Structures are given as C-alpha cells and as structure tokens.
Amino acid sequence: MHGFLSFRKFFTPELIHVVFWIGIGVCVLRGITMMATASVYHQAMGIVDGLIVLFVGPVIVRVVCEILMAVFQMHESITRDRV
C-alpha cells in the first residue's frame, strides 16, 4: 500500500489489463453487430468488414496494450537501475 501511495508502484499496468478486455469485448460485439446488420441488408462487404473487426480488432488491441506495457516496463527498469 505504501508503494502505491508514494507512486513507487504504478496503477496503470493493472488498468491496461482492464482496457485490454474491454477492447476485446468491444471488437467482438462490434464485429457481430456489423455482420448481423449487413446480413439483414444483404451486403456482402459488411459481412467481410465485420469479420475483419472480429478477428483483426483484438490483435490490434493486444499490440497497443503491449506497447503501453513495454513503456511502463522500460520506466521500471530505468528507475530500478537508478536507485
């Protein structure tokens, strides 16, 4: 608790995990919604777009979250070496 209150331990890495799962959920729901809407209006391109969002979206969310985590890990290693 002391490390958290004195800013020695970051809150953001835990927050990034939450953002990751929310992002995955949004991609899955949006992809399914796009495909359902496209099938109602008989648009083949909308179904393809929904599949892209469904499968590529989570990969992009993962890459962005990993980049953010790498920044925080670099900061931790720099501050660990300095102390």
Protein backbone atom coordinates (compact mmCIF):
# COMPACT_ATOMS: atom_id res chain seq x y z
CA MET A 1 0.00 0.00 0.00
CA HIS A 2 2.86 2.38 0.83
CA GLY A 3 4.42 1.79 -2.60
CA PHE A 4 1.13 2.66 -4.26
CA LEU A 5 0.61 5.84 -2.24
CA SER A 6 4.19 7.02 -2.77
CA PHE A 7 3.94 6.34 -6.53
CA ARG A 8 6.58 3.59 -6.43
CA LYS A 9 4.04 1.11 -7.82
CA PHE A 10 2.00 2.11 -10.84
CA PHE A 11 -1.74 1.71 -11.15
CA THR A 12 -1.69 1.96 -14.93
CA PRO A 13 -0.43 -1.59 -15.75
CA GLU A 14 -3.46 -3.04 -13.98
CA LEU A 15 -5.66 -0.53 -15.77
CA ILE A 16 -4.19 -1.60 -19.12
CA HIS A 17 -5.38 -5.17 -18.45
CA VAL A 18 -8.92 -3.88 -17.91
CA VAL A 19 -8.72 -1.74 -21.07
CA PHE A 20 -7.50 -4.81 -22.99
CA TRP A 21 -10.51 -6.91 -22.02
CA ILE A 22 -12.91 -4.05 -22.67
CA GLY A 23 -11.31 -3.55 -26.09
CA ILE A 24 -11.66 -7.25 -26.90
CA GLY A 25 -15.32 -7.16 -25.89
CA VAL A 26 -15.99 -4.07 -28.00
CA CYS A 27 -14.32 -5.64 -31.04
CA VAL A 28 -16.29 -8.86 -30.71
CA LEU A 29 -19.61 -7.10 -30.16
CA ARG A 30 -18.97 -4.61 -32.96
CA GLY A 31 -17.92 -7.35 -35.39
CA ILE A 32 -21.01 -9.43 -34.67
CA THR A 33 -23.23 -6.34 -34.93
CA MET A 34 -21.70 -5.37 -38.27
CA MET A 35 -22.22 -8.87 -39.66
CA ALA A 36 -25.82 -9.05 -38.40
CA THR A 37 -26.66 -5.65 -39.84
CA ALA A 38 -25.03 -6.48 -43.17
CA SER A 39 -26.89 -9.77 -43.42
CA VAL A 40 -30.23 -8.01 -42.86
CA TYR A 41 -29.49 -5.58 -45.69
CA HIS A 42 -27.83 -8.24 -47.88
CA GLN A 43 -24.44 -6.50 -48.04
CA ALA A 44 -21.57 -8.91 -48.54
CA MET A 45 -18.93 -6.25 -47.91
CA GLY A 46 -20.42 -5.50 -44.50
CA ILE A 47 -20.04 -9.15 -43.53
CA VAL A 48 -16.39 -9.07 -44.60
CA ASP A 49 -15.87 -5.87 -42.61
CA GLY A 50 -17.47 -7.49 -39.58
CA LEU A 51 -15.16 -10.49 -39.87
CA ILE A 52 -12.15 -8.18 -40.12
CA VAL A 53 -13.21 -6.30 -36.99
CA LEU A 54 -13.93 -9.59 -35.24
CA PHE A 55 -10.52 -11.14 -35.93
CA VAL A 56 -8.10 -8.26 -36.58
CA GLY A 57 -9.52 -5.87 -33.97
CA PRO A 58 -8.45 -7.92 -30.94
CA VAL A 59 -4.95 -8.31 -32.40
CA ILE A 60 -4.62 -4.55 -32.78
CA VAL A 61 -5.93 -4.01 -29.23
CA ARG A 62 -3.35 -6.51 -27.96
CA VAL A 63 -0.48 -4.82 -29.81
CA VAL A 64 -1.43 -1.38 -28.48
CA CYS A 65 -1.69 -2.70 -24.92
CA GLU A 66 1.67 -4.47 -25.24
CA ILE A 67 3.31 -1.25 -26.42
CA LEU A 68 1.88 0.59 -23.43
CA MET A 69 3.07 -2.16 -21.08
CA ALA A 70 6.55 -2.03 -22.64
CA VAL A 71 6.77 1.69 -21.92
CA PHE A 72 5.94 1.09 -18.25
CA GLN A 73 8.40 -1.81 -18.02
CA MET A 74 11.14 0.37 -19.51
CA HIS A 75 10.37 3.03 -16.93
CA GLU A 76 10.53 0.48 -14.12
CA SER A 77 13.87 -0.88 -15.27
CA ILE A 78 15.33 2.63 -15.63
CA THR A 79 14.18 3.69 -12.17
CA ARG A 80 15.34 0.38 -10.66
CA ASP A 81 18.84 0.92 -12.05
CA ARG A 82 18.90 4.50 -10.80
CA VAL A 83 18.01 3.67 -7.18
